[in-house]
Amino acid sequence: MLRSSLVLGLVAARLANAPVHAVTKQQKLETCTFGADAQKLVGAARQSFMTRCMANEDRPVAPRGSKQRQ
């Protein structure tokens, strides 16, 4: 009895740490689209955001109106 309780406890602990489900490409696209819409991005800024979002990149976006000088 103790052995089966221990095994059940270990399985439950293992499952508690596992992700609930994998994110599909469609779900990721919907999330990225929502983020772009929330920021009111258009044109090249939206395309850049969507590309980074779909690739799981976390680089910050340059502030609007700022241009890098060389």
PDB file of N, CA and C in Angstrom:
ATOM      1  N   MET A   1       0.815  -1.187   0.000  1.00  0.00           N
ATOM      2  CA  MET A   1       0.000   0.000   0.000  1.00  0.00           C
ATOM      3  C   MET A   1       0.865   1.260   0.000  1.00  0.00           C
ATOM      4  N   LEU A   2       1.886   1.263   0.821  1.00  0.00           N
ATOM      5  CA  LEU A   2       2.782   2.404   0.891  1.00  0.00           C
ATOM      6  C   LEU A   2       3.516   2.606  -0.436  1.00  0.00           C
ATOM      7  N   ARG A   3       3.896   1.498  -1.053  1.00  0.00           N
ATOM      8  CA  ARG A   3       4.626   1.577  -2.318  1.00  0.00           C
ATOM      9  C   ARG A   3       3.738   2.176  -3.411  1.00  0.00           C
ATOM     10  N   SER A   4       2.490   1.755  -3.508  1.00  0.00           N
ATOM     11  CA  SER A   4       1.605   2.287  -4.547  1.00  0.00           C
ATOM     12  C   SER A   4       1.292   3.766  -4.284  1.00  0.00           C
ATOM     13  N   SER A   5       1.210   4.165  -3.020  1.00  0.00           N
ATOM     14  CA  SER A   5       0.985   5.577  -2.694  1.00  0.00           C
ATOM     15  C   SER A   5       2.176   6.420  -3.110  1.00  0.00           C
ATOM     16  N   LEU A   6       3.366   5.888  -2.880  1.00  0.00           N
ATOM     17  CA  LEU A   6       4.580   6.589  -3.257  1.00  0.00           C
ATOM     18  C   LEU A   6       4.662   6.762  -4.775  1.00  0.00           C
ATOM     19  N   VAL A   7       4.376   5.696  -5.507  1.00  0.00           N
ATOM     20  CA  VAL A   7       4.407   5.753  -6.970  1.00  0.00           C
ATOM     21  C   VAL A   7       3.372   6.747  -7.476  1.00  0.00           C
ATOM     22  N   LEU A   8       2.167   6.699  -6.928  1.00  0.00           N
ATOM     23  CA  LEU A   8       1.109   7.621  -7.340  1.00  0.00           C
ATOM     24  C   LEU A   8       1.517   9.064  -7.043  1.00  0.00           C
ATOM     25  N   GLY A   9       2.138   9.295  -5.909  1.00  0.00           N
ATOM     26  CA  GLY A   9       2.604  10.633  -5.553  1.00  0.00           C
ATOM     27  C   GLY A   9       3.678  11.139  -6.505  1.00  0.00           C
ATOM     28  N   LEU A  10       4.604  10.279  -6.889  1.00  0.00           N
ATOM     29  CA  LEU A  10       5.655  10.665  -7.830  1.00  0.00           C
ATOM     30  C   LEU A  10       5.085  10.983  -9.208  1.00  0.00           C
ATOM     31  N   VAL A  11       4.127  10.184  -9.654  1.00  0.00           N
ATOM     32  CA  VAL A  11       3.488  10.432 -10.957  1.00  0.00           C
ATOM     33  C   VAL A  11       2.735  11.760 -10.910  1.00  0.00           C
ATOM     34  N   ALA A  12       2.008  12.020  -9.844  1.00  0.00           N
ATOM     35  CA  ALA A  12       1.260  13.268  -9.718  1.00  0.00           C
ATOM     36  C   ALA A  12       2.201  14.467  -9.703  1.00  0.00           C
ATOM     37  N   ALA A  13       3.312  14.363  -9.007  1.00  0.00           N
ATOM     38  CA  ALA A  13       4.288  15.454  -8.958  1.00  0.00           C
ATOM     39  C   ALA A  13       4.889  15.695 -10.332  1.00  0.00           C
ATOM     40  N   ARG A  14       5.161  14.633 -11.045  1.00  0.00           N
ATOM     41  CA  ARG A  14       5.731  14.753 -12.395  1.00  0.00           C
ATOM     42  C   ARG A  14       4.753  15.440 -13.338  1.00  0.00           C
ATOM     43  N   LEU A  15       3.484  15.062 -13.267  1.00  0.00           N
ATOM     44  CA  LEU A  15       2.464  15.655 -14.132  1.00  0.00           C
ATOM     45  C   LEU A  15       2.206  17.113 -13.775  1.00  0.00           C
ATOM     46  N   ALA A  16       2.332  17.475 -12.518  1.00  0.00           N
ATOM     47  CA  ALA A  16       2.100  18.854 -12.091  1.00  0.00           C
ATOM     48  C   ALA A  16       3.142  19.796 -12.683  1.00  0.00           C
ATOM     49  N   ASN A  17       4.335  19.301 -12.940  1.00  0.00           N
ATOM     50  CA  ASN A  17       5.397  20.127 -13.500  1.00  0.00           C
ATOM     51  C   ASN A  17       5.419  20.134 -15.020  1.00  0.00           C
ATOM     52  N   ALA A  18       4.633  19.276 -15.650  1.00  0.00           N
ATOM     53  CA  ALA A  18       4.606  19.187 -17.109  1.00  0.00           C
ATOM     54  C   ALA A  18       3.696  20.269 -17.676  1.00  0.00           C
ATOM     55  N   PRO A  19       3.999  20.781 -18.862  1.00  0.00           N
ATOM     56  CA  PRO A  19       3.109  21.766 -19.476  1.00  0.00           C
ATOM     57  C   PRO A  19       1.761  21.137 -19.785  1.00  0.00           C
ATOM     58  N   VAL A  20       0.735  21.958 -19.742  1.00  0.00           N
ATOM     59  CA  VAL A  20      -0.612  21.453 -19.959  1.00  0.00           C
ATOM     60  C   VAL A  20      -0.758  20.951 -21.385  1.00  0.00           C
ATOM     61  N   HIS A  21      -0.337  21.753 -22.350  1.00  0.00           N
ATOM     62  CA  HIS A  21      -0.382  21.339 -23.751  1.00  0.00           C
ATOM     63  C   HIS A  21       0.602  22.184 -24.550  1.00  0.00           C
ATOM     64  N   ALA A  22       0.999  21.676 -25.653  1.00  0.00           N
ATOM     65  CA  ALA A  22       1.919  22.406 -26.514  1.00  0.00           C
ATOM     66  C   ALA A  22       1.140  23.467 -27.289  1.00  0.00           C
ATOM     67  N   VAL A  23       1.758  24.595 -27.541  1.00  0.00           N
ATOM     68  CA  VAL A  23       1.135  25.659 -28.302  1.00  0.00           C
ATOM     69  C   VAL A  23       1.277  25.330 -29.782  1.00  0.00           C
ATOM     70  N   THR A  24       0.161  25.366 -30.496  1.00  0.00           N
ATOM     71  CA  THR A  24       0.206  25.097 -31.930  1.00  0.00           C
ATOM     72  C   THR A  24       0.604  26.368 -32.678  1.00  0.00           C
ATOM     73  N   LYS A  25       0.969  26.215 -33.925  1.00  0.00           N
ATOM     74  CA  LYS A  25       1.360  27.355 -34.741  1.00  0.00           C
ATOM     75  C   LYS A  25       0.183  28.326 -34.893  1.00  0.00           C
ATOM     76  N   GLN A  26      -1.020  27.792 -35.024  1.00  0.00           N
ATOM     77  CA  GLN A  26      -2.206  28.632 -35.159  1.00  0.00           C
ATOM     78  C   GLN A  26      -2.442  29.462 -33.893  1.00  0.00           C
ATOM     79  N   GLN A  27      -2.272  28.843 -32.719  1.00  0.00           N
ATOM     80  CA  GLN A  27      -2.448  29.569 -31.456  1.00  0.00           C
ATOM     81  C   GLN A  27      -1.396  30.666 -31.320  1.00  0.00           C
ATOM     82  N   LYS A  28      -0.173  30.369 -31.733  1.00  0.00           N
ATOM     83  CA  LYS A  28       0.902  31.353 -31.656  1.00  0.00           C
ATOM     84  C   LYS A  28       0.616  32.526 -32.583  1.00  0.00           C
ATOM     85  N   LEU A  29       0.113  32.232 -33.792  1.00  0.00           N
ATOM     86  CA  LEU A  29      -0.228  33.288 -34.739  1.00  0.00           C
ATOM     87  C   LEU A  29      -1.321  34.194 -34.168  1.00  0.00           C
ATOM     88  N   GLU A  30      -2.324  33.602 -33.543  1.00  0.00           N
ATOM     89  CA  GLU A  30      -3.400  34.386 -32.942  1.00  0.00           C
ATOM     90  C   GLU A  30      -2.865  35.278 -31.827  1.00  0.00           C
ATOM     91  N   THR A  31      -1.963  34.754 -31.010  1.00  0.00           N
ATOM     92  CA  THR A  31      -1.376  35.530 -29.918  1.00  0.00           C
ATOM     93  C   THR A  31      -0.536  36.680 -30.457  1.00  0.00           C
ATOM     94  N   CYS A  32       0.284  36.408 -31.461  1.00  0.00           N
ATOM     95  CA  CYS A  32       1.120  37.456 -32.047  1.00  0.00           C
ATOM     96  C   CYS A  32       0.264  38.524 -32.725  1.00  0.00           C
ATOM     97  N   THR A  33      -0.794  38.111 -33.406  1.00  0.00           N
ATOM     98  CA  THR A  33      -1.698  39.056 -34.054  1.00  0.00           C
ATOM     99  C   THR A  33      -2.368  39.943 -33.017  1.00  0.00           C
ATOM    100  N   PHE A  34      -2.788  39.348 -31.913  1.00  0.00           N
ATOM    101  CA  PHE A  34      -3.399  40.120 -30.834  1.00  0.00           C
ATOM    102  C   PHE A  34      -2.412  41.153 -30.300  1.00  0.00           C
ATOM    103  N   GLY A  35      -1.156  40.757 -30.117  1.00  0.00           N
ATOM    104  CA  GLY A  35      -0.135  41.687 -29.631  1.00  0.00           C
ATOM    105  C   GLY A  35       0.109  42.835 -30.596  1.00  0.00           C
ATOM    106  N   ALA A  36       0.153  42.531 -31.885  1.00  0.00           N
ATOM    107  CA  ALA A  36       0.365  43.574 -32.888  1.00  0.00           C
ATOM    108  C   ALA A  36      -0.830  44.516 -32.940  1.00  0.00           C
ATOM    109  N   ASP A  37      -2.035  43.960 -32.840  1.00  0.00           N
ATOM    110  CA  ASP A  37      -3.239  44.791 -32.837  1.00  0.00           C
ATOM    111  C   ASP A  37      -3.292  45.679 -31.603  1.00  0.00           C
ATOM    112  N   ALA A  38      -2.912  45.141 -30.455  1.00  0.00           N
ATOM    113  CA  ALA A  38      -2.938  45.897 -29.201  1.00  0.00           C
ATOM    114  C   ALA A  38      -1.976  47.087 -29.253  1.00  0.00           C
ATOM    115  N   GLN A  39      -0.872  46.912 -29.969  1.00  0.00           N
ATOM    116  CA  GLN A  39       0.111  47.989 -30.093  1.00  0.00           C
ATOM    117  C   GLN A  39      -0.180  48.895 -31.286  1.00  0.00           C
ATOM    118  N   LYS A  40      -1.231  48.560 -32.042  1.00  0.00           N
ATOM    119  CA  LYS A  40      -1.626  49.330 -33.229  1.00  0.00           C
ATOM    120  C   LYS A  40      -0.488  49.454 -34.233  1.00  0.00           C
ATOM    121  N   LEU A  41       0.223  48.355 -34.444  1.00  0.00           N
ATOM    122  CA  LEU A  41       1.341  48.343 -35.382  1.00  0.00           C
ATOM    123  C   LEU A  41       0.835  48.176 -36.806  1.00  0.00           C
ATOM    124  N   VAL A  42       1.472  48.861 -37.748  1.00  0.00           N
ATOM    125  CA  VAL A  42       1.138  48.748 -39.162  1.00  0.00           C
ATOM    126  C   VAL A  42       2.422  48.706 -39.978  1.00  0.00           C
ATOM    127  N   GLY A  43       2.309  48.219 -41.189  1.00  0.00           N
ATOM    128  CA  GLY A  43       3.419  48.229 -42.132  1.00  0.00           C
ATOM    129  C   GLY A  43       4.623  47.420 -41.686  1.00  0.00           C
ATOM    130  N   ALA A  44       5.796  48.023 -41.850  1.00  0.00           N
ATOM    131  CA  ALA A  44       7.057  47.339 -41.560  1.00  0.00           C
ATOM    132  C   ALA A  44       7.195  47.021 -40.075  1.00  0.00           C
ATOM    133  N   ALA A  45       6.681  47.898 -39.204  1.00  0.00           N
ATOM    134  CA  ALA A  45       6.779  47.655 -37.765  1.00  0.00           C
ATOM    135  C   ALA A  45       5.975  46.413 -37.389  1.00  0.00           C
ATOM    136  N   ARG A  46       4.796  46.257 -37.995  1.00  0.00           N
ATOM    137  CA  ARG A  46       3.963  45.086 -37.712  1.00  0.00           C
ATOM    138  C   ARG A  46       4.640  43.811 -38.224  1.00  0.00           C
ATOM    139  N   GLN A  47       5.193  43.883 -39.426  1.00  0.00           N
ATOM    140  CA  GLN A  47       5.866  42.718 -40.015  1.00  0.00           C
ATOM    141  C   GLN A  47       7.058  42.301 -39.159  1.00  0.00           C
ATOM    142  N   SER A  48       7.829  43.272 -38.707  1.00  0.00           N
ATOM    143  CA  SER A  48       8.977  42.985 -37.863  1.00  0.00           C
ATOM    144  C   SER A  48       8.542  42.358 -36.540  1.00  0.00           C
ATOM    145  N   PHE A  49       7.498  42.916 -35.940  1.00  0.00           N
ATOM    146  CA  PHE A  49       6.981  42.374 -34.680  1.00  0.00           C
ATOM    147  C   PHE A  49       6.494  40.943 -34.863  1.00  0.00           C
ATOM    148  N   MET A  50       5.731  40.694 -35.930  1.00  0.00           N
ATOM    149  CA  MET A  50       5.181  39.360 -36.172  1.00  0.00           C
ATOM    150  C   MET A  50       6.301  38.346 -36.406  1.00  0.00           C
ATOM    151  N   THR A  51       7.328  38.737 -37.131  1.00  0.00           N
ATOM    152  CA  THR A  51       8.453  37.844 -37.395  1.00  0.00           C
ATOM    153  C   THR A  51       9.161  37.471 -36.096  1.00  0.00           C
ATOM    154  N   ARG A  52       9.457  38.488 -35.262  1.00  0.00           N
ATOM    155  CA  ARG A  52      10.118  38.225 -33.986  1.00  0.00           C
ATOM    156  C   ARG A  52       9.229  37.411 -33.062  1.00  0.00           C
ATOM    157  N   CYS A  53       7.949  37.726 -33.027  1.00  0.00           N
ATOM    158  CA  CYS A  53       7.019  37.025 -32.147  1.00  0.00           C
ATOM    159  C   CYS A  53       6.911  35.549 -32.531  1.00  0.00           C
ATOM    160  N   MET A  54       6.760  35.262 -33.802  1.00  0.00           N
ATOM    161  CA  MET A  54       6.628  33.877 -34.256  1.00  0.00           C
ATOM    162  C   MET A  54       7.925  33.103 -34.036  1.00  0.00           C
ATOM    163  N   ALA A  55       9.070  33.809 -33.995  1.00  0.00           N
ATOM    164  CA  ALA A  55      10.362  33.148 -33.804  1.00  0.00           C
ATOM    165  C   ALA A  55      10.745  33.076 -32.325  1.00  0.00           C
ATOM    166  N   ASN A  56       9.870  33.552 -31.438  1.00  0.00           N
ATOM    167  CA  ASN A  56      10.131  33.556 -29.994  1.00  0.00           C
ATOM    168  C   ASN A  56      11.292  34.451 -29.610  1.00  0.00           C
ATOM    169  N   GLU A  57      11.530  35.511 -30.338  1.00  0.00           N
ATOM    170  CA  GLU A  57      12.602  36.438 -30.002  1.00  0.00           C
ATOM    171  C   GLU A  57      12.069  37.497 -29.060  1.00  0.00           C
ATOM    172  N   ASP A  58      12.876  37.897 -28.105  1.00  0.00           N
ATOM    173  CA  ASP A  58      12.455  38.837 -27.073  1.00  0.00           C
ATOM    174  C   ASP A  58      13.143  40.186 -27.172  1.00  0.00           C
ATOM    175  N   ARG A  59      13.696  40.507 -28.316  1.00  0.00           N
ATOM    176  CA  ARG A  59      14.387  41.787 -28.448  1.00  0.00           C
ATOM    177  C   ARG A  59      13.381  42.933 -28.329  1.00  0.00           C
ATOM    178  N   PRO A  60      13.730  43.999 -27.639  1.00  0.00           N
ATOM    179  CA  PRO A  60      12.801  45.132 -27.543  1.00  0.00           C
ATOM    180  C   PRO A  60      12.685  45.859 -28.871  1.00  0.00           C
ATOM    181  N   VAL A  61      11.534  46.450 -29.089  1.00  0.00           N
ATOM    182  CA  VAL A  61      11.293  47.225 -30.292  1.00  0.00           C
ATOM    183  C   VAL A  61      11.813  48.634 -30.053  1.00  0.00           C
ATOM    184  N   ALA A  62      12.433  49.235 -31.068  1.00  0.00           N
ATOM    185  CA  ALA A  62      12.927  50.608 -30.935  1.00  0.00           C
ATOM    186  C   ALA A  62      11.732  51.538 -30.730  1.00  0.00           C
ATOM    187  N   PRO A  63      11.894  52.550 -29.906  1.00  0.00           N
ATOM    188  CA  PRO A  63      10.798  53.498 -29.681  1.00  0.00           C
ATOM    189  C   PRO A  63      10.380  54.151 -30.990  1.00  0.00           C
ATOM    190  N   ARG A  64       9.098  54.478 -31.089  1.00  0.00           N
ATOM    191  CA  ARG A  64       8.591  55.101 -32.304  1.00  0.00           C
ATOM    192  C   ARG A  64       9.256  56.450 -32.534  1.00  0.00           C
ATOM    193  N   GLY A  65       9.569  56.721 -33.771  1.00  0.00           N
ATOM    194  CA  GLY A  65      10.150  58.009 -34.120  1.00  0.00           C
ATOM    195  C   GLY A  65      11.653  58.096 -33.927  1.00  0.00           C
ATOM    196  N   SER A  66      12.259  57.098 -33.314  1.00  0.00           N
ATOM    197  CA  SER A  66      13.707  57.167 -33.117  1.00  0.00           C
ATOM    198  C   SER A  66      14.407  56.448 -34.264  1.00  0.00           C
ATOM    199  N   LYS A  67      15.443  57.071 -34.748  1.00  0.00           N
ATOM    200  CA  LYS A  67      16.233  56.470 -35.816  1.00  0.00           C
ATOM    201  C   LYS A  67      17.675  56.424 -35.366  1.00  0.00           C
ATOM    202  N   GLN A  68      18.323  55.336 -35.699  1.00  0.00           N
ATOM    203  CA  GLN A  68      19.732  55.203 -35.332  1.00  0.00           C
ATOM    204  C   GLN A  68      20.575  55.983 -36.333  1.00  0.00           C
ATOM    205  N   ARG A  69      21.482  56.750 -35.814  1.00  0.00           N
ATOM    206  CA  ARG A  69      22.368  57.538 -36.686  1.00  0.00           C
ATOM    207  C   ARG A  69      23.705  56.837 -36.799  1.00  0.00           C
ATOM    208  N   GLN A  70      24.270  56.936 -37.972  1.00  0.00           N
ATOM    209  CA  GLN A  70      25.554  56.294 -38.211  1.00  0.00           C
ATOM    210  C   GLN A  70      26.610  57.312 -38.503  1.00  0.00           C
TER     211      GLN A  70
END
